[in-house]
Amino acid sequence: MPKISISLPDRIENDIDRLVEQGEFVNRDQAVEELLTMGVSAYGTTDEPNETPAEEDMFSQTVEDQQDPAIQDDDPDEGYTF
């Protein structure tokens, strides 16, 4: 596992220490690893760079399924007209 060195603001370092003291994490290393993992996953990163996150794919599919009623082909012989 690669090791990195980071500098954190005092506020964040204190928050991490407080979480460890409260028993949320076993130690600082575990806290930093899990918090970073949660933060990175919040951005929806994937191993495949061309893959679209599920939320975006669902949205674009919904938009693609919609049809503008103004561009529908209306046949005047179909019965209903306004």
N, C-alpha and C. Protein backbone atom coordinates (compact mmCIF):
# COMPACT_ATOMS: atom_id res chain seq x y z
N MET A 1 0.84 -1.16 0.00
CA MET A 1 0.00 0.00 0.00
C MET A 1 0.90 1.23 0.00
N PRO A 2 0.65 2.16 -0.93
CA PRO A 2 1.46 3.37 -0.98
C PRO A 2 1.23 4.25 0.25
N LYS A 3 2.28 4.96 0.63
CA LYS A 3 2.18 5.88 1.76
C LYS A 3 2.33 7.29 1.21
N ILE A 4 1.52 8.21 1.76
CA ILE A 4 1.63 9.60 1.36
C ILE A 4 1.73 10.46 2.61
N SER A 5 2.24 11.65 2.41
CA SER A 5 2.35 12.59 3.51
C SER A 5 1.48 13.79 3.17
N ILE A 6 0.63 14.21 4.10
CA ILE A 6 -0.25 15.35 3.86
C ILE A 6 -0.17 16.32 5.05
N SER A 7 -0.52 17.54 4.78
CA SER A 7 -0.64 18.54 5.84
C SER A 7 -2.11 18.88 5.98
N LEU A 8 -2.60 18.85 7.20
CA LEU A 8 -4.01 19.13 7.47
C LEU A 8 -4.14 20.37 8.33
N PRO A 9 -5.20 21.13 8.14
CA PRO A 9 -5.46 22.23 9.05
C PRO A 9 -5.71 21.68 10.46
N ASP A 10 -5.40 22.48 11.47
CA ASP A 10 -5.58 22.04 12.86
C ASP A 10 -7.00 21.58 13.13
N ARG A 11 -7.97 22.26 12.55
CA ARG A 11 -9.38 21.91 12.77
C ARG A 11 -9.67 20.48 12.34
N ILE A 12 -9.19 20.09 11.17
CA ILE A 12 -9.45 18.73 10.67
C ILE A 12 -8.69 17.71 11.50
N GLU A 13 -7.46 18.02 11.86
CA GLU A 13 -6.69 17.11 12.69
C GLU A 13 -7.38 16.89 14.04
N ASN A 14 -7.91 17.95 14.62
CA ASN A 14 -8.64 17.83 15.88
C ASN A 14 -9.92 17.01 15.71
N ASP A 15 -10.60 17.19 14.58
CA ASP A 15 -11.82 16.41 14.32
C ASP A 15 -11.50 14.92 14.22
N ILE A 16 -10.41 14.59 13.54
CA ILE A 16 -10.00 13.19 13.41
C ILE A 16 -9.65 12.62 14.78
N ASP A 17 -8.89 13.36 15.57
CA ASP A 17 -8.54 12.90 16.92
C ASP A 17 -9.80 12.68 17.76
N ARG A 18 -10.74 13.58 17.64
CA ARG A 18 -12.00 13.46 18.41
C ARG A 18 -12.77 12.20 17.99
N LEU A 19 -12.81 11.91 16.70
CA LEU A 19 -13.51 10.70 16.22
C LEU A 19 -12.85 9.44 16.75
N VAL A 20 -11.53 9.44 16.81
CA VAL A 20 -10.80 8.28 17.35
C VAL A 20 -11.09 8.15 18.84
N GLU A 21 -11.06 9.26 19.57
CA GLU A 21 -11.33 9.23 21.01
C GLU A 21 -12.76 8.76 21.31
N GLN A 22 -13.69 9.10 20.43
CA GLN A 22 -15.09 8.70 20.62
C GLN A 22 -15.33 7.25 20.24
N GLY A 23 -14.32 6.60 19.70
CA GLY A 23 -14.45 5.19 19.35
C GLY A 23 -15.00 4.94 17.96
N GLU A 24 -15.12 5.98 17.16
CA GLU A 24 -15.61 5.80 15.79
C GLU A 24 -14.60 5.02 14.94
N PHE A 25 -13.31 5.18 15.26
CA PHE A 25 -12.24 4.50 14.55
C PHE A 25 -11.27 3.94 15.58
N VAL A 26 -10.56 2.89 15.19
CA VAL A 26 -9.60 2.25 16.09
C VAL A 26 -8.39 3.15 16.33
N ASN A 27 -7.92 3.79 15.24
CA ASN A 27 -6.75 4.67 15.34
C ASN A 27 -6.80 5.72 14.24
N ARG A 28 -5.82 6.62 14.26
CA ARG A 28 -5.79 7.71 13.28
C ARG A 28 -5.62 7.19 11.86
N ASP A 29 -4.79 6.18 11.67
CA ASP A 29 -4.58 5.64 10.33
C ASP A 29 -5.89 5.13 9.73
N GLN A 30 -6.63 4.37 10.53
CA GLN A 30 -7.91 3.85 10.05
C GLN A 30 -8.87 5.00 9.76
N ALA A 31 -8.90 6.01 10.63
CA ALA A 31 -9.79 7.15 10.44
C ALA A 31 -9.47 7.87 9.13
N VAL A 32 -8.21 8.17 8.92
CA VAL A 32 -7.82 8.89 7.70
C VAL A 32 -8.14 8.06 6.46
N GLU A 33 -7.82 6.78 6.50
CA GLU A 33 -8.09 5.92 5.34
C GLU A 33 -9.58 5.86 5.03
N GLU A 34 -10.41 5.62 6.03
CA GLU A 34 -11.84 5.50 5.79
C GLU A 34 -12.47 6.83 5.38
N LEU A 35 -12.04 7.91 6.00
CA LEU A 35 -12.59 9.22 5.64
C LEU A 35 -12.20 9.63 4.23
N LEU A 36 -10.96 9.35 3.83
CA LEU A 36 -10.54 9.62 2.46
C LEU A 36 -11.31 8.75 1.47
N THR A 37 -11.50 7.49 1.81
CA THR A 37 -12.24 6.59 0.93
C THR A 37 -13.66 7.09 0.73
N MET A 38 -14.30 7.50 1.81
CA MET A 38 -15.67 8.02 1.71
C MET A 38 -15.70 9.30 0.87
N GLY A 39 -14.72 10.16 1.06
CA GLY A 39 -14.67 11.40 0.29
C GLY A 39 -14.47 11.16 -1.19
N VAL A 40 -13.56 10.26 -1.52
CA VAL A 40 -13.30 9.95 -2.92
C VAL A 40 -14.52 9.29 -3.57
N SER A 41 -15.17 8.37 -2.85
CA SER A 41 -16.33 7.70 -3.43
C SER A 41 -17.50 8.66 -3.62
N ALA A 42 -17.55 9.74 -2.85
CA ALA A 42 -18.61 10.73 -3.02
C ALA A 42 -18.52 11.41 -4.38
N TYR A 43 -17.34 11.42 -4.98
CA TYR A 43 -17.16 12.02 -6.30
C TYR A 43 -17.49 11.05 -7.41
N GLY A 44 -17.83 9.81 -7.09
CA GLY A 44 -18.24 8.84 -8.09
C GLY A 44 -17.14 8.44 -9.04
N THR A 45 -15.91 8.36 -8.57
CA THR A 45 -14.82 7.95 -9.44
C THR A 45 -14.93 6.46 -9.73
N THR A 46 -14.45 6.08 -10.90
CA THR A 46 -14.47 4.68 -11.30
C THR A 46 -13.10 4.31 -11.84
N ASP A 47 -12.86 3.02 -11.99
CA ASP A 47 -11.61 2.55 -12.57
C ASP A 47 -11.57 2.81 -14.07
N GLU A 48 -12.75 2.88 -14.70
CA GLU A 48 -12.81 3.10 -16.13
C GLU A 48 -13.17 4.56 -16.40
N PRO A 49 -12.26 5.32 -17.00
CA PRO A 49 -12.47 6.76 -17.16
C PRO A 49 -13.64 7.13 -18.06
N ASN A 50 -14.05 6.29 -18.98
CA ASN A 50 -15.14 6.62 -19.90
C ASN A 50 -16.51 6.22 -19.37
N GLU A 51 -16.56 5.64 -18.20
CA GLU A 51 -17.83 5.18 -17.65
C GLU A 51 -18.59 6.36 -17.05
N THR A 52 -19.88 6.47 -17.35
CA THR A 52 -20.72 7.55 -16.84
C THR A 52 -21.31 7.11 -15.51
N PRO A 53 -21.26 7.97 -14.48
CA PRO A 53 -21.90 7.61 -13.21
C PRO A 53 -23.39 7.31 -13.41
N ALA A 54 -23.93 6.42 -12.60
CA ALA A 54 -25.31 5.95 -12.76
C ALA A 54 -26.31 7.10 -12.73
N GLU A 55 -26.09 8.09 -11.86
CA GLU A 55 -27.05 9.19 -11.76
C GLU A 55 -27.15 9.95 -13.08
N GLU A 56 -26.01 10.23 -13.71
CA GLU A 56 -26.01 10.96 -14.96
C GLU A 56 -26.66 10.12 -16.06
N ASP A 57 -26.38 8.83 -16.09
CA ASP A 57 -26.94 7.96 -17.11
C ASP A 57 -28.46 7.90 -16.99
N MET A 58 -28.97 7.80 -15.76
CA MET A 58 -30.42 7.76 -15.56
C MET A 58 -31.06 9.07 -16.01
N PHE A 59 -30.43 10.20 -15.70
CA PHE A 59 -30.97 11.49 -16.08
C PHE A 59 -31.00 11.64 -17.60
N SER A 60 -29.90 11.33 -18.25
CA SER A 60 -29.85 11.52 -19.70
C SER A 60 -30.81 10.56 -20.40
N GLN A 61 -30.99 9.36 -19.87
CA GLN A 61 -31.96 8.43 -20.46
C GLN A 61 -33.37 8.98 -20.34
N THR A 62 -33.70 9.56 -19.20
CA THR A 62 -35.02 10.15 -19.01
C THR A 62 -35.24 11.29 -19.98
N VAL A 63 -34.25 12.13 -20.15
CA VAL A 63 -34.37 13.25 -21.07
C VAL A 63 -34.50 12.75 -22.51
N GLU A 64 -33.74 11.72 -22.86
CA GLU A 64 -33.80 11.18 -24.21
C GLU A 64 -35.16 10.54 -24.50
N ASP A 65 -35.82 10.01 -23.47
CA ASP A 65 -37.11 9.37 -23.65
C ASP A 65 -38.24 10.38 -23.85
N GLN A 66 -38.01 11.62 -23.48
CA GLN A 66 -39.04 12.63 -23.60
C GLN A 66 -39.13 13.09 -25.05
N GLN A 67 -40.35 13.48 -25.44
CA GLN A 67 -40.56 13.95 -26.80
C GLN A 67 -41.29 15.28 -26.74
N ASP A 68 -40.83 16.23 -27.53
CA ASP A 68 -41.46 17.54 -27.59
C ASP A 68 -42.77 17.40 -28.36
N PRO A 69 -43.90 17.71 -27.72
CA PRO A 69 -45.18 17.56 -28.42
C PRO A 69 -45.30 18.46 -29.65
N ALA A 70 -44.55 19.54 -29.71
CA ALA A 70 -44.63 20.45 -30.84
C ALA A 70 -44.05 19.86 -32.11
N ILE A 71 -43.20 18.86 -31.98
CA ILE A 71 -42.60 18.29 -33.19
C ILE A 71 -43.23 16.94 -33.57
N GLN A 72 -44.29 16.56 -32.91
CA GLN A 72 -44.96 15.31 -33.26
C GLN A 72 -45.64 15.47 -34.61
N ASP A 73 -45.64 14.41 -35.37
CA ASP A 73 -46.33 14.42 -36.66
C ASP A 73 -47.80 14.17 -36.41
N ASP A 74 -48.61 15.20 -36.61
CA ASP A 74 -50.06 15.05 -36.44
C ASP A 74 -50.70 14.85 -37.81
N ASP A 75 -51.41 13.77 -37.94
CA ASP A 75 -52.15 13.50 -39.17
C ASP A 75 -53.55 14.07 -38.99
N PRO A 76 -53.95 15.05 -39.77
CA PRO A 76 -55.27 15.66 -39.56
C PRO A 76 -56.42 14.68 -39.75
N ASP A 77 -56.19 13.54 -40.36
CA ASP A 77 -57.25 12.56 -40.58
C ASP A 77 -57.42 11.62 -39.41
N GLU A 78 -56.64 11.79 -38.32
CA GLU A 78 -56.72 10.89 -37.18
C GLU A 78 -57.92 11.17 -36.30
N GLY A 79 -58.60 12.27 -36.47
CA GLY A 79 -59.82 12.52 -35.71
C GLY A 79 -59.74 13.70 -34.78
N TYR A 80 -58.84 13.71 -33.84
CA TYR A 80 -58.78 14.78 -32.85
C TYR A 80 -57.96 15.95 -33.38
N THR A 81 -58.56 17.11 -33.37
CA THR A 81 -57.83 18.33 -33.74
C THR A 81 -58.25 19.43 -32.80
N PHE A 82 -57.45 20.43 -32.67
CA PHE A 82 -57.77 21.58 -31.83
C PHE A 82 -57.83 22.82 -32.65
